[in-house]
Amino acid sequence: IVVAADIAAYAKGPARPTCGAGAVAVLVGRDAPLAMVDPSERATHATHVWDFFKPDHTVEYPTVDGALSQVCYYRALEDVYNRFADKLTNKKGNGTKDEEKQFTAESADYFVFHAPYNKLVQKSYARLYLLDARRRYQRAKEQLLLKESEHMPEAVPASDDSASDASGDYASPDPAPSP
């Protein structure tokens, strides 16, 4: 069993309502009910940002930039989810053509979110569907461009005519008369 716990205590201010503690216990091993069968089917995110830190270790409370912390949370969610979804889609050899075989938010049974406050979790789960819609749009756009490029006529080589001068610069077909 692996147990991890954390406590969050904040000074008076807007972050105080998010104070609390959390813990998780995970059974690991061969017969564990939660198994990561293939460790390559994961994605991680790390960044160096000063949104939450303790500059003075003699003071119990951290320095917090709540707005920046929320931006960091969403950036991490988007980065990890997109890379994870792409990995699972590509690993299964599904490519990008079969819409039914794409990994989406509906493909998983559960998602686990860090939950400093309820609305962030609700908005994050909804954001997964937004990210899926963006990925579908991008695939459709790429497929359309591919189809268009297949139907484009081949470029006709330029002929030596009066449309270009010796340097290769474009010349107007009706040059202005000289004064």
Protein backbone atom coordinates (compact mmCIF):
# COMPACT_ATOMS: atom_id res chain seq x y z
CA ILE A 1 0.00 0.00 0.00
CA VAL A 2 1.23 3.47 -0.91
CA VAL A 3 -0.27 6.35 1.07
CA ALA A 4 0.13 10.00 0.12
CA ALA A 5 -1.31 12.95 2.03
CA ASP A 6 -1.18 16.72 1.89
CA ILE A 7 -2.60 19.58 3.90
CA ALA A 8 -3.32 23.06 2.62
CA ALA A 9 -3.49 25.91 5.11
CA TYR A 10 -3.80 29.52 3.96
CA ALA A 11 -3.67 32.90 5.65
CA LYS A 12 -6.80 35.05 5.70
CA GLY A 13 -7.80 35.99 2.18
CA PRO A 14 -9.49 34.61 -0.93
CA ALA A 15 -7.65 31.26 -0.83
CA ARG A 16 -8.76 30.39 2.73
CA PRO A 17 -12.01 28.62 1.64
CA THR A 18 -9.90 26.08 -0.29
CA CYS A 19 -8.02 24.98 2.86
CA GLY A 20 -8.19 21.31 3.58
CA ALA A 21 -6.40 18.03 3.52
CA GLY A 22 -6.37 15.12 1.15
CA ALA A 23 -5.05 11.60 1.16
CA VAL A 24 -5.00 8.62 -1.14
CA ALA A 25 -4.04 5.02 -0.56
CA VAL A 26 -3.15 2.86 -3.54
CA LEU A 27 -2.72 -0.87 -3.53
CA VAL A 28 0.15 -1.78 -5.83
CA GLY A 29 1.35 -5.15 -6.93
CA ARG A 30 0.51 -8.05 -9.16
CA ASP A 31 -3.07 -8.55 -7.90
CA ALA A 32 -3.91 -4.86 -7.41
CA PRO A 33 -7.40 -3.91 -8.66
CA LEU A 34 -5.99 -0.79 -10.34
CA ALA A 35 -3.34 -1.79 -12.82
CA MET A 36 -1.21 0.17 -15.22
CA VAL A 37 -0.65 -2.62 -17.69
CA ASP A 38 1.46 -0.60 -20.08
CA PRO A 39 3.51 2.21 -18.53
CA SER A 40 3.89 3.86 -21.96
CA GLU A 41 0.19 4.67 -21.82
CA ARG A 42 0.64 7.72 -19.64
CA ALA A 43 1.48 11.38 -19.93
CA THR A 44 3.01 13.78 -17.44
CA HIS A 45 3.41 17.52 -17.19
CA ALA A 46 5.81 19.67 -15.20
CA THR A 47 6.63 23.34 -15.36
CA HIS A 48 8.52 25.84 -13.24
CA VAL A 49 6.00 28.49 -12.18
CA TRP A 50 5.84 30.61 -9.04
CA ASP A 51 2.07 30.36 -8.51
CA PHE A 52 2.35 28.63 -5.12
CA PHE A 53 5.49 28.67 -2.97
CA LYS A 54 6.87 29.21 0.53
CA PRO A 55 9.55 31.90 0.39
CA ASP A 56 9.81 31.93 4.19
CA HIS A 57 9.81 28.48 5.81
CA THR A 58 9.32 30.00 9.26
CA VAL A 59 5.78 31.04 8.23
CA GLU A 60 3.08 28.38 8.00
CA TYR A 61 1.30 29.93 5.02
CA PRO A 62 2.44 29.89 1.37
CA THR A 63 2.46 32.75 -1.10
CA VAL A 64 -0.29 32.06 -3.62
CA ASP A 65 -1.26 33.61 -6.95
CA GLY A 66 -4.67 31.99 -7.37
CA ALA A 67 -5.38 33.30 -10.88
CA LEU A 68 -2.00 32.11 -12.16
CA SER A 69 -2.47 28.79 -10.37
CA GLN A 70 -5.76 28.23 -12.19
CA VAL A 71 -4.14 29.04 -15.56
CA CYS A 72 -1.37 26.55 -14.75
CA TYR A 73 -3.97 23.91 -13.89
CA TYR A 74 -5.77 24.32 -17.23
CA ARG A 75 -2.51 24.38 -19.21
CA ALA A 76 -1.37 21.18 -17.52
CA LEU A 77 -4.75 19.54 -18.12
CA GLU A 78 -4.74 20.46 -21.82
CA ASP A 79 -1.14 19.38 -22.36
CA VAL A 80 -1.49 16.05 -20.58
CA TYR A 81 -4.91 15.19 -22.02
CA ASN A 82 -3.96 15.99 -25.63
CA ARG A 83 -0.70 14.04 -25.44
CA PHE A 84 -2.39 11.13 -23.63
CA ALA A 85 -5.27 10.96 -26.14
CA ASP A 86 -2.86 11.15 -29.09
CA LYS A 87 -0.65 8.44 -27.57
CA LEU A 88 -3.53 6.04 -27.03
CA THR A 89 -5.00 6.71 -30.47
CA ASN A 90 -1.65 6.23 -32.23
CA LYS A 91 -0.52 3.29 -30.08
CA LYS A 92 -3.55 1.24 -31.01
CA GLY A 93 -2.67 1.78 -34.68
CA ASN A 94 -5.92 3.57 -35.25
CA GLY A 95 -4.45 6.48 -37.16
CA THR A 96 -6.65 9.53 -37.57
CA LYS A 97 -9.19 8.36 -40.13
CA ASP A 98 -11.62 6.23 -38.11
CA GLU A 99 -13.54 8.59 -35.81
CA GLU A 100 -14.91 5.70 -33.72
CA LYS A 101 -11.41 4.56 -32.74
CA GLN A 102 -10.21 7.93 -31.44
CA PHE A 103 -9.57 8.25 -27.72
CA THR A 104 -12.02 10.79 -26.26
CA ALA A 105 -13.30 11.80 -22.84
CA GLU A 106 -16.03 9.20 -23.34
CA SER A 107 -13.46 6.42 -23.84
CA ALA A 108 -12.42 6.33 -20.17
CA ASP A 109 -14.48 4.95 -17.32
CA TYR A 110 -13.19 7.53 -14.82
CA PHE A 111 -11.07 10.64 -14.55
CA VAL A 112 -9.43 11.73 -11.31
CA PHE A 113 -8.86 15.45 -10.80
CA HIS A 114 -7.11 17.48 -8.15
CA ALA A 115 -10.04 19.26 -6.52
CA PRO A 116 -9.18 22.48 -4.70
CA TYR A 117 -12.78 23.59 -5.30
CA ASN A 118 -15.74 21.97 -7.04
CA LYS A 119 -16.20 24.33 -10.00
CA LEU A 120 -12.63 23.72 -11.16
CA VAL A 121 -13.32 20.00 -11.46
CA GLN A 122 -16.61 20.58 -13.32
CA LYS A 123 -14.97 23.04 -15.69
CA SER A 124 -11.99 20.74 -16.23
CA TYR A 125 -14.18 17.79 -17.15
CA ALA A 126 -16.12 19.98 -19.58
CA ARG A 127 -12.79 21.18 -20.98
CA LEU A 128 -11.94 17.60 -22.00
CA TYR A 129 -14.95 17.69 -24.33
CA LEU A 130 -13.79 21.04 -25.72
CA LEU A 131 -10.35 19.53 -26.36
CA ASP A 132 -11.98 16.55 -28.11
CA ALA A 133 -13.96 18.95 -30.32
CA ARG A 134 -10.76 20.84 -31.21
CA ARG A 135 -9.01 17.57 -32.07
CA ARG A 136 -11.96 16.46 -34.26
CA TYR A 137 -11.95 19.84 -36.04
CA GLN A 138 -8.20 19.65 -36.62
CA ARG A 139 -8.46 16.10 -38.05
CA ALA A 140 -11.33 17.14 -40.34
CA LYS A 141 -9.36 20.17 -41.51
CA GLU A 142 -6.28 18.02 -42.23
CA GLN A 143 -8.38 15.47 -44.14
CA LEU A 144 -10.00 18.23 -46.20
CA LEU A 145 -6.62 19.73 -47.09
CA LEU A 146 -5.37 16.27 -48.04
CA LYS A 147 -8.37 15.70 -50.32
CA GLU A 148 -7.96 19.12 -51.91
CA SER A 149 -4.27 18.49 -52.56
CA GLU A 150 -5.12 15.17 -54.26
CA HIS A 151 -7.46 16.95 -56.70
CA MET A 152 -5.16 19.89 -57.46
CA PRO A 153 -3.88 19.99 -61.03
CA GLU A 154 -0.15 19.65 -61.35
CA ALA A 155 1.77 22.88 -61.74
CA VAL A 156 2.45 23.85 -65.34
CA PRO A 157 6.10 24.77 -65.93
CA ALA A 158 6.61 28.43 -66.77
CA SER A 159 7.35 29.18 -70.41
CA ASP A 160 9.79 31.74 -71.74
CA ASP A 161 7.49 34.58 -72.69
CA SER A 162 7.26 38.27 -72.03
CA ALA A 163 5.65 37.72 -68.62
CA SER A 164 9.05 37.68 -66.95
CA ASP A 165 12.26 39.51 -67.51
CA ALA A 166 15.77 38.07 -67.37
CA SER A 167 15.99 38.34 -63.57
CA GLY A 168 12.81 36.29 -63.13
CA ASP A 169 10.83 39.18 -61.63
CA TYR A 170 7.21 39.50 -62.63
CA ALA A 171 6.45 42.07 -65.30
CA SER A 172 3.03 43.48 -65.93
CA PRO A 173 1.43 42.19 -69.17
CA ASP A 174 0.54 45.77 -70.10
CA PRO A 175 3.58 47.83 -69.16
CA ALA A 176 2.99 51.54 -68.69
CA PRO A 177 4.24 53.64 -71.61
CA SER A 178 7.56 55.38 -71.13
CA PRO A 179 7.44 59.18 -70.82
